[in-house]
Amino acid sequence: MAWEEGQALILKKNKHYFEQDSTGKPLPYLDGIKVSFYNSKATEFLEFQQKRLDFIDDIDPSFKDEILTKSGNLKKQWQEKIVLNKHPYLNIEYLGILVDENNDLLKNSPLRLKKIRQAINYGFDRKKMMLYLRNSIGTAAESGFVPAGLPSFDAALVKGYQYDAIKAKQLLAEAGYTNGKTCLL
């Protein structure tokens, strides 16, 4: 094993490894693997295109529309060039809201109100976000923080936020904001 921090991890085959495949051939088949680390997903994809990498785990957003249809499948010109595997894995992307009552800039922010934060959650269409930002690669997080694919994920047990513009407008009105402009407080 060799480790070049921030550059690569090289794993070599253990010649004394005991397992075999169903035909009796020793495992693993490969003599070793090299895992490269790049600061840029765009650079990583270009390396992949030039066949310097065998595998990447994500597509840089600047290339997604060139490679993927909106339904998350490979476009025709890429179907013979790469293999696309889609499966659940742990990758969480979230938007956070700073709520700090001790921060002078935030003391009068509408975001200090729970109903405003709830309205934002109901007004956020996660499925469209997946469609337009990720070309349908991924699962909209509508059942809490645990992603689909993990054993503790349970959409029936955890009721998260789903897009509901009417509910969002109702919560804004209850918080003192009508038409998204006026504060009645």
Foldseek 3Di string as FASTA:
>chain_A
DDDDPQFKDKDADDPPDDDDPPVRHDDDPDRIDMDTHDPDLVVVVVCVQVVVDDDDDAHPQVCDVVAAALQGDGDPVCPVPDDDDADDDDDDDDDDDDADCVDPVRVPPLVVDPLLVVLVLQQDAQQVCCSPRVSVRADRPQFDDDGPPDPPDDSVVGGGHHHDNVSSQVSCVVQQDHPNDGRPD
